[in-house]
N, C-alpha and C. Protein backbone atom coordinates (compact mmCIF):
# COMPACT_ATOMS: atom_id res chain seq x y z
N MET A 1 22.36 12.27 158.65
CA MET A 1 21.74 13.08 157.35
C MET A 1 21.09 12.28 156.44
N ASP A 2 19.88 12.23 155.81
CA ASP A 2 19.11 11.76 155.12
C ASP A 2 19.45 12.26 154.05
N GLN A 3 19.87 11.15 153.06
CA GLN A 3 20.24 11.34 151.63
C GLN A 3 19.58 10.33 150.46
N ALA A 4 19.50 10.48 149.27
CA ALA A 4 19.64 9.44 148.43
C ALA A 4 19.55 10.08 147.04
N MET A 5 20.44 9.05 146.64
CA MET A 5 21.14 9.32 145.15
C MET A 5 20.39 8.49 144.07
N ILE A 6 19.85 8.80 143.04
CA ILE A 6 18.62 7.92 142.32
C ILE A 6 19.39 8.12 140.93
N ASP A 7 20.12 7.12 139.94
CA ASP A 7 20.36 7.18 138.98
C ASP A 7 19.57 6.96 137.66
N ILE A 8 19.11 8.60 137.18
CA ILE A 8 18.57 8.40 136.04
C ILE A 8 18.88 8.65 134.64
N THR A 9 20.35 8.26 134.24
CA THR A 9 20.69 8.27 133.08
C THR A 9 20.45 7.57 131.97
N ASP A 10 19.60 6.70 132.36
CA ASP A 10 18.76 5.50 130.94
C ASP A 10 17.15 5.84 131.18
N ILE A 11 16.92 7.09 131.68
CA ILE A 11 15.63 7.37 131.68
C ILE A 11 15.47 8.59 130.56
N PRO A 12 14.68 8.23 129.45
CA PRO A 12 14.80 9.46 128.73
C PRO A 12 13.61 10.63 129.05
N ASN A 13 14.11 11.83 128.38
CA ASN A 13 12.72 13.04 129.18
C ASN A 13 12.48 13.27 130.28
N VAL A 14 13.37 13.07 131.35
CA VAL A 14 13.52 13.76 132.55
C VAL A 14 14.02 15.10 132.56
N GLN A 15 12.99 15.71 133.46
CA GLN A 15 13.61 17.30 133.59
C GLN A 15 13.37 17.61 134.98
N THR A 16 14.12 18.56 135.70
CA THR A 16 14.23 19.02 136.87
C THR A 16 12.96 19.24 137.10
N GLY A 17 12.39 18.79 138.31
CA GLY A 17 10.61 19.22 138.99
C GLY A 17 10.03 18.01 138.68
N ASP A 18 10.57 17.42 137.64
CA ASP A 18 9.55 15.83 137.84
C ASP A 18 9.04 15.00 138.80
N MET A 19 8.14 14.52 138.77
CA MET A 19 7.79 13.56 140.13
C MET A 19 7.92 12.03 139.94
N ILE A 20 9.03 11.64 141.22
CA ILE A 20 9.17 10.31 140.95
C ILE A 20 8.68 9.40 142.15
N THR A 21 8.23 8.20 141.73
CA THR A 21 7.97 7.54 142.99
C THR A 21 8.81 6.33 143.35
N ILE A 22 9.31 6.36 144.15
CA ILE A 22 10.60 5.71 144.98
C ILE A 22 9.86 4.24 145.19
N LEU A 23 9.19 4.01 145.95
CA LEU A 23 8.50 2.94 146.82
C LEU A 23 6.65 3.23 146.19
N GLY A 24 6.13 2.02 145.90
CA GLY A 24 4.86 2.33 145.90
C GLY A 24 4.05 2.54 144.31
N HIS A 25 2.74 2.88 144.58
CA HIS A 25 1.63 2.86 142.91
C HIS A 25 2.16 4.33 142.48
N ASN A 26 2.39 4.26 141.07
CA ASN A 26 2.76 5.15 140.11
C ASN A 26 1.18 4.84 139.66
N HIS A 27 1.11 6.01 138.80
CA HIS A 27 0.19 5.76 137.51
C HIS A 27 0.27 4.72 136.65
N SER A 28 1.48 4.60 136.84
CA SER A 28 1.39 3.05 135.40
C SER A 28 2.11 2.09 136.04
N SER A 29 2.77 2.16 136.99
CA SER A 29 3.40 0.76 137.92
C SER A 29 3.18 0.86 139.42
N PHE A 30 4.17 -0.10 139.72
CA PHE A 30 4.02 -0.32 141.50
C PHE A 30 5.39 -0.67 141.22
N GLN A 31 6.25 -0.27 142.60
CA GLN A 31 7.74 -0.51 143.05
C GLN A 31 7.54 -0.74 144.07
N SER A 32 7.79 -2.14 144.51
CA SER A 32 7.65 -2.85 145.60
C SER A 32 9.07 -2.82 146.46
N ILE A 33 8.82 -2.59 148.12
CA ILE A 33 9.87 -3.29 148.85
C ILE A 33 10.78 -4.10 148.66
N ASP A 34 10.18 -5.25 148.24
CA ASP A 34 10.52 -6.64 147.81
C ASP A 34 11.62 -6.27 146.84
N ALA A 35 11.19 -5.65 145.60
CA ALA A 35 12.08 -5.33 144.42
C ALA A 35 13.37 -4.50 145.07
N ILE A 36 12.72 -3.44 145.73
CA ILE A 36 14.26 -2.28 146.41
C ILE A 36 15.23 -3.58 147.03
N ALA A 37 14.63 -4.42 147.84
CA ALA A 37 15.42 -4.81 148.90
C ALA A 37 16.36 -6.54 147.86
N GLY A 38 15.57 -6.45 146.63
CA GLY A 38 16.48 -8.01 146.05
C GLY A 38 17.25 -6.75 145.07
N LEU A 39 17.33 -5.81 144.63
CA LEU A 39 18.02 -4.60 144.04
C LEU A 39 19.32 -4.57 145.17
N MET A 40 18.91 -4.23 146.56
CA MET A 40 19.97 -3.92 147.32
C MET A 40 20.87 -5.46 148.17
N GLY A 41 20.18 -6.77 147.82
CA GLY A 41 20.85 -7.86 148.01
C GLY A 41 20.47 -7.99 149.41
N THR A 42 19.25 -7.40 150.17
CA THR A 42 18.92 -7.67 151.66
C THR A 42 17.62 -7.99 151.73
N ILE A 43 16.76 -8.04 152.78
CA ILE A 43 15.51 -8.54 153.00
C ILE A 43 14.68 -7.39 152.85
N ASN A 44 13.35 -7.33 152.89
CA ASN A 44 12.54 -6.26 152.96
C ASN A 44 12.15 -5.24 154.27
N TYR A 45 12.57 -6.28 155.15
CA TYR A 45 12.61 -5.47 156.12
C TYR A 45 13.68 -4.54 156.33
N GLU A 46 15.22 -4.91 156.16
CA GLU A 46 16.00 -3.96 155.91
C GLU A 46 15.94 -2.39 155.43
N VAL A 47 15.33 -2.68 154.42
CA VAL A 47 14.62 -1.70 153.58
C VAL A 47 13.70 -0.47 154.54
N VAL A 48 12.60 -1.53 155.02
CA VAL A 48 11.92 -0.36 155.66
C VAL A 48 12.51 -0.06 157.10
N CYS A 49 13.36 -0.36 157.33
CA CYS A 49 14.19 0.10 158.33
C CYS A 49 15.02 1.11 158.39
N LEU A 50 15.46 1.16 157.10
CA LEU A 50 16.51 2.42 156.39
C LEU A 50 15.71 3.23 156.09
N ILE A 51 14.46 3.58 156.51
CA ILE A 51 13.52 4.79 156.20
C ILE A 51 13.51 5.39 157.16
N ARG A 52 14.11 6.52 157.26
CA ARG A 52 14.25 7.48 158.82
C ARG A 52 12.64 7.91 159.50
N LYS A 53 13.00 8.57 160.28
CA LYS A 53 11.60 9.02 161.20
C LYS A 53 11.23 9.86 160.32
N ARG A 54 12.07 10.97 159.95
CA ARG A 54 11.43 12.17 159.01
C ARG A 54 10.66 11.81 157.99
N VAL A 55 10.65 10.55 157.24
CA VAL A 55 9.83 10.39 156.14
C VAL A 55 8.16 10.25 156.95
N PRO A 56 7.53 10.90 156.48
CA PRO A 56 5.85 10.20 156.89
C PRO A 56 5.39 9.01 156.55
N ARG A 57 4.81 8.41 157.36
CA ARG A 57 4.38 7.03 157.19
C ARG A 57 2.81 7.15 156.83
N VAL A 58 2.12 6.54 155.92
CA VAL A 58 1.00 6.04 155.60
C VAL A 58 0.09 5.10 155.61
N TYR A 59 -0.46 4.64 156.33
CA TYR A 59 -0.76 3.43 156.60
C TYR A 59 -2.30 2.97 155.81
N PRO A 60 -2.33 2.67 154.61
CA PRO A 60 -3.54 2.59 153.72
C PRO A 60 -4.62 2.31 154.87
N GLU A 61 -4.72 1.15 155.18
CA GLU A 61 -5.60 0.12 156.11
C GLU A 61 -6.25 1.63 156.76
N VAL A 62 -5.24 1.91 157.80
CA VAL A 62 -5.91 2.91 158.72
C VAL A 62 -6.73 4.11 157.73
N LEU A 63 -5.99 4.58 157.18
CA LEU A 63 -6.72 5.77 156.41
C LEU A 63 -7.88 5.42 155.52
N GLU A 64 -7.88 4.34 155.21
CA GLU A 64 -9.42 3.48 154.25
C GLU A 64 -10.46 3.61 155.67
N LYS A 65 -10.26 2.80 156.46
CA LYS A 65 -10.96 2.64 157.92
C LYS A 65 -11.40 4.21 158.01
N ALA A 66 -10.77 5.15 158.54
CA ALA A 66 -11.07 6.69 158.78
C ALA A 66 -11.59 7.29 157.73
N CYS A 67 -11.29 7.36 156.41
CA CYS A 67 -12.13 8.19 155.58
C CYS A 67 -13.50 7.61 155.55
N CYS A 68 -13.66 5.76 155.41
CA CYS A 68 -15.10 5.32 155.03
C CYS A 68 -15.57 5.44 156.34
N LYS A 69 -15.13 5.83 157.56
CA LYS A 69 -16.15 6.23 158.47
C LYS A 69 -16.70 7.28 158.57
N PHE A 70 -15.62 8.45 157.82
CA PHE A 70 -16.22 9.82 158.21
C PHE A 70 -16.84 10.22 156.88
N TRP A 71 -17.11 9.45 155.63
CA TRP A 71 -17.39 9.40 154.62
C TRP A 71 -18.45 8.59 154.18
N ASN A 72 -18.65 7.45 155.25
CA ASN A 72 -19.75 6.53 155.09
C ASN A 72 -19.97 5.92 153.73
N THR A 73 -19.15 5.68 153.23
CA THR A 73 -18.53 4.77 151.86
C THR A 73 -17.33 4.01 152.23
N SER A 74 -17.57 3.11 151.24
CA SER A 74 -16.34 1.97 150.99
C SER A 74 -15.55 2.33 149.78
N LYS A 75 -15.99 3.28 149.03
CA LYS A 75 -15.39 3.49 147.53
C LYS A 75 -14.02 4.65 147.40
N VAL A 76 -13.98 5.38 149.27
CA VAL A 76 -13.49 6.50 148.54
C VAL A 76 -11.95 6.27 148.56
N LEU A 77 -11.23 5.54 148.94
CA LEU A 77 -10.03 5.27 148.77
C LEU A 77 -9.62 4.01 147.57
N LYS A 78 -10.44 3.52 147.11
CA LYS A 78 -10.67 2.23 146.12
C LYS A 78 -9.84 2.84 144.86
N SER A 79 -8.97 2.24 144.27
CA SER A 79 -8.34 2.75 142.88
C SER A 79 -8.76 1.67 142.00
């Protein structure tokens, strides 16, 4: 079974249904796999290996190339 528990006790104003970002970019912050690994006392590779197959993988470089080729622009996925 794939399960995750996240302690949000110290985060104010959290409501049921709020979106969270566990890994990657949020509008105001970035959470890296290296940071997660540090909290777990392990290396980044182990964190990646713990994410099971049911979680979709998105590879930004591949998406950017495909999107830029389709739209003929390099600005489509730039933030």
